[in-house]
C-alpha atoms as a PDB file:
ATOM      1  CA  UNK A   1      -4.589  14.327  12.374  1.00  0.00           C
ATOM      2  CA  UNK A   2      -4.209  11.443   9.678  1.00  0.00           C
ATOM      3  CA  UNK A   3      -1.406   9.022  11.208  1.00  0.00           C
ATOM      4  CA  UNK A   4      -0.175   8.056   7.696  1.00  0.00           C
ATOM      5  CA  UNK A   5       0.278  10.033   4.473  1.00  0.00           C
ATOM      6  CA  UNK A   6       0.440   8.558   1.065  1.00  0.00           C
ATOM      7  CA  UNK A   7       1.988  10.217  -2.054  1.00  0.00           C
ATOM      8  CA  UNK A   8       3.215   9.366  -5.483  1.00  0.00           C
ATOM      9  CA  UNK A   9      -0.288   8.655  -7.002  1.00  0.00           C
ATOM     10  CA  UNK A  10      -1.323  10.083 -10.429  1.00  0.00           C
ATOM     11  CA  UNK A  11      -2.425   9.238 -13.996  1.00  0.00           C
ATOM     12  CA  UNK A  12      -0.368   6.726 -16.125  1.00  0.00           C
ATOM     13  CA  UNK A  13      -0.994   4.777 -19.289  1.00  0.00           C
ATOM     14  CA  UNK A  14      -1.321   1.209 -19.204  1.00  0.00           C
ATOM     15  CA  UNK A  15       1.990  -0.627 -19.168  1.00  0.00           C
ATOM     16  CA  UNK A  16       3.557   2.312 -17.214  1.00  0.00           C
ATOM     17  CA  UNK A  17       5.055   2.501 -13.477  1.00  0.00           C
ATOM     18  CA  UNK A  18       4.364   4.365 -10.432  1.00  0.00           C
ATOM     19  CA  UNK A  19       5.977   4.302  -7.147  1.00  0.00           C
ATOM     20  CA  UNK A  20       3.741   5.114  -3.995  1.00  0.00           C
ATOM     21  CA  UNK A  21       5.184   6.138  -0.661  1.00  0.00           C
ATOM     22  CA  UNK A  22       3.664   6.267   2.772  1.00  0.00           C
ATOM     23  CA  UNK A  23       5.226   8.260   5.813  1.00  0.00           C
ATOM     24  CA  UNK A  24       3.835   8.625   9.286  1.00  0.00           C
ATOM     25  CA  UNK A  25       2.524  11.878  10.372  1.00  0.00           C
ATOM     26  CA  UNK A  26       3.289  12.709  13.907  1.00  0.00           C
ATOM     27  CA  UNK A  27       4.340   9.387  15.307  1.00  0.00           C
ATOM     28  CA  UNK A  28       6.557   6.464  14.078  1.00  0.00           C
ATOM     29  CA  UNK A  29       5.488   3.029  13.157  1.00  0.00           C
ATOM     30  CA  UNK A  30       8.902   1.231  12.915  1.00  0.00           C
ATOM     31  CA  UNK A  31       8.048  -2.130  14.351  1.00  0.00           C
ATOM     32  CA  UNK A  32       4.783  -2.308  12.827  1.00  0.00           C
ATOM     33  CA  UNK A  33       3.435  -4.509  10.122  1.00  0.00           C
ATOM     34  CA  UNK A  34       2.514  -2.117   7.050  1.00  0.00           C
ATOM     35  CA  UNK A  35       0.303  -2.948   4.147  1.00  0.00           C
ATOM     36  CA  UNK A  36      -1.121  -1.411   1.020  1.00  0.00           C
ATOM     37  CA  UNK A  37      -4.932  -1.768   0.217  1.00  0.00           C
ATOM     38  CA  UNK A  38      -6.946  -0.319  -2.706  1.00  0.00           C
ATOM     39  CA  UNK A  39     -10.519   0.519  -3.425  1.00  0.00           C
ATOM     40  CA  UNK A  40     -11.930   1.085  -6.929  1.00  0.00           C
ATOM     41  CA  UNK A  41     -15.291   2.992  -7.277  1.00  0.00           C
ATOM     42  CA  UNK A  42     -18.292   0.877  -6.140  1.00  0.00           C
ATOM     43  CA  UNK A  43     -16.162  -1.898  -4.775  1.00  0.00           C
ATOM     44  CA  UNK A  44     -14.816  -3.037  -1.502  1.00  0.00           C
ATOM     45  CA  UNK A  45     -11.447  -2.099  -0.218  1.00  0.00           C
ATOM     46  CA  UNK A  46      -8.974  -5.025  -1.194  1.00  0.00           C
ATOM     47  CA  UNK A  47      -5.672  -6.066   0.003  1.00  0.00           C
ATOM     48  CA  UNK A  48      -2.675  -5.313  -2.298  1.00  0.00           C
ATOM     49  CA  UNK A  49       0.491  -6.189  -0.245  1.00  0.00           C
ATOM     50  CA  UNK A  50       2.036  -6.369   3.233  1.00  0.00           C
ATOM     51  CA  UNK A  51       5.329  -6.335   4.786  1.00  0.00           C
ATOM     52  CA  UNK A  52       6.502  -7.135   8.321  1.00  0.00           C
ATOM     53  CA  UNK A  53       8.600  -4.615  10.334  1.00  0.00           C
ATOM     54  CA  UNK A  54      11.849  -6.275   9.482  1.00  0.00           C
ATOM     55  CA  UNK A  55      10.895  -7.231   5.902  1.00  0.00           C
ATOM     56  CA  UNK A  56      11.203 -11.024   6.592  1.00  0.00           C
ATOM     57  CA  UNK A  57       7.719 -11.725   5.502  1.00  0.00           C
ATOM     58  CA  UNK A  58       6.181 -10.134   2.347  1.00  0.00           C
ATOM     59  CA  UNK A  59       2.764 -10.942   0.867  1.00  0.00           C
ATOM     60  CA  UNK A  60       0.928  -9.966  -2.382  1.00  0.00           C
ATOM     61  CA  UNK A  61      -2.548 -10.330  -3.800  1.00  0.00           C
ATOM     62  CA  UNK A  62      -2.525 -12.684  -6.642  1.00  0.00           C
ATOM     63  CA  UNK A  63      -3.738  -9.812  -8.998  1.00  0.00           C
ATOM     64  CA  UNK A  64      -0.487  -7.859  -8.362  1.00  0.00           C
ATOM     65  CA  UNK A  65       2.083 -10.631  -7.923  1.00  0.00           C
ATOM     66  CA  UNK A  66       5.020 -10.315 -10.265  1.00  0.00           C
ATOM     67  CA  UNK A  67       4.159  -6.619 -11.131  1.00  0.00           C
ATOM     68  CA  UNK A  68       4.233  -4.738  -7.661  1.00  0.00           C
ATOM     69  CA  UNK A  69       6.957  -4.712  -5.027  1.00  0.00           C
ATOM     70  CA  UNK A  70       6.392  -3.536  -1.532  1.00  0.00           C
ATOM     71  CA  UNK A  71       9.498  -2.535   0.492  1.00  0.00           C
ATOM     72  CA  UNK A  72      10.200  -0.342   3.553  1.00  0.00           C
ATOM     73  CA  UNK A  73      12.917   1.840   4.982  1.00  0.00           C
ATOM     74  CA  UNK A  74      12.758   1.839   8.706  1.00  0.00           C
ATOM     75  CA  UNK A  75      15.215   4.574   9.064  1.00  0.00           C
ATOM     76  CA  UNK A  76      12.934   6.851   7.133  1.00  0.00           C
ATOM     77  CA  UNK A  77       9.647   5.134   8.565  1.00  0.00           C
ATOM     78  CA  UNK A  78       8.532   4.880   5.053  1.00  0.00           C
ATOM     79  CA  UNK A  79       6.933   2.005   3.253  1.00  0.00           C
ATOM     80  CA  UNK A  80       6.844   2.001  -0.662  1.00  0.00           C
ATOM     81  CA  UNK A  81       4.846   0.316  -3.415  1.00  0.00           C
ATOM     82  CA  UNK A  82       6.612   0.002  -6.769  1.00  0.00           C
ATOM     83  CA  UNK A  83       3.865  -0.627  -9.423  1.00  0.00           C
ATOM     84  CA  UNK A  84       4.996  -1.850 -12.861  1.00  0.00           C
ATOM     85  CA  UNK A  85       3.093  -3.037 -15.905  1.00  0.00           C
ATOM     86  CA  UNK A  86       0.134  -1.083 -14.709  1.00  0.00           C
ATOM     87  CA  UNK A  87      -3.367  -2.056 -16.049  1.00  0.00           C
ATOM     88  CA  UNK A  88      -6.560  -0.211 -16.319  1.00  0.00           C
ATOM     89  CA  UNK A  89      -7.992  -2.632 -13.637  1.00  0.00           C
ATOM     90  CA  UNK A  90      -5.359  -1.109 -11.019  1.00  0.00           C
ATOM     91  CA  UNK A  91      -7.232   2.158 -11.025  1.00  0.00           C
ATOM     92  CA  UNK A  92      -8.214   2.874  -7.556  1.00  0.00           C
ATOM     93  CA  UNK A  93      -7.505   4.874  -4.314  1.00  0.00           C
ATOM     94  CA  UNK A  94      -4.509   3.278  -2.802  1.00  0.00           C
ATOM     95  CA  UNK A  95      -4.343   3.223   1.114  1.00  0.00           C
ATOM     96  CA  UNK A  96      -1.401   2.638   3.414  1.00  0.00           C
ATOM     97  CA  UNK A  97      -2.158   0.941   6.616  1.00  0.00           C
ATOM     98  CA  UNK A  98      -0.142   0.013   9.820  1.00  0.00           C
ATOM     99  CA  UNK A  99      -0.657  -2.220  12.919  1.00  0.00           C
ATOM    100  CA  UNK A 100       1.373  -3.151  15.813  1.00  0.00           C
ATOM    101  CA  UNK A 101       0.309  -6.732  15.674  1.00  0.00           C
ATOM    102  CA  UNK A 102       1.236  -9.150  12.981  1.00  0.00           C
ATOM    103  CA  UNK A 103      -1.358 -11.710  12.530  1.00  0.00           C
ATOM    104  CA  UNK A 104      -2.256 -14.334   9.717  1.00  0.00           C
ATOM    105  CA  UNK A 105      -5.217 -11.966   9.009  1.00  0.00           C
ATOM    106  CA  UNK A 106      -2.849  -9.378   7.301  1.00  0.00           C
ATOM    107  CA  UNK A 107      -5.255  -9.300   4.194  1.00  0.00           C
ATOM    108  CA  UNK A 108      -8.136  -8.019   6.224  1.00  0.00           C
ATOM    109  CA  UNK A 109      -8.833  -4.280   6.681  1.00  0.00           C
ATOM    110  CA  UNK A 110      -9.913  -5.023  10.238  1.00  0.00           C
ATOM    111  CA  UNK A 111      -6.294  -6.253  10.972  1.00  0.00           C
ATOM    112  CA  UNK A 112      -5.053  -2.580  10.809  1.00  0.00           C
ATOM    113  CA  UNK A 113      -5.674   0.204  13.251  1.00  0.00           C
ATOM    114  CA  UNK A 114      -3.814   2.992  11.323  1.00  0.00           C
ATOM    115  CA  UNK A 115      -4.863   4.313   7.815  1.00  0.00           C
ATOM    116  CA  UNK A 116      -3.734   7.059   5.515  1.00  0.00           C
ATOM    117  CA  UNK A 117      -6.114   9.221   3.456  1.00  0.00           C
ATOM    118  CA  UNK A 118      -5.282   7.564   0.159  1.00  0.00           C
ATOM    119  CA  UNK A 119      -3.848   8.491  -3.098  1.00  0.00           C
ATOM    120  CA  UNK A 120      -5.579   8.251  -6.482  1.00  0.00           C
ATOM    121  CA  UNK A 121      -4.002   5.952  -9.105  1.00  0.00           C
ATOM    122  CA  UNK A 122      -5.518   6.154 -12.537  1.00  0.00           C
ATOM    123  CA  UNK A 123      -4.379   3.868 -15.443  1.00  0.00           C
ATOM    124  CA  UNK A 124      -5.509   4.825 -18.824  1.00  0.00           C
ATOM    125  CA  UNK A 125      -5.887   2.232 -21.487  1.00  0.00           C
END
């Protein structure tokens, strides 16, 4: 069973917006750091954004800073990624990740033990 389930992906024109959601499947991740990564065809999976369990620390990749917003609702065990001013280079499969331990390596895939199956985001020019 996949521990996390993403939703909200789709096809959007450049300049448009999408909101991704990530909810747990079968367990809770309330006190876990949560993050979004993405992987474009033929490329490595890359960090997008991360948020600590109480939202007191939030991090973004430079490529999305000012356009994307990560947030979480612990009552719903859900983390969100609001994506505005989308560009064709944002096209990728977006993955949600969670881990119990918050480290300074939050931008590495190896820092996360739990992953979703991914949701496709396609931005047309």
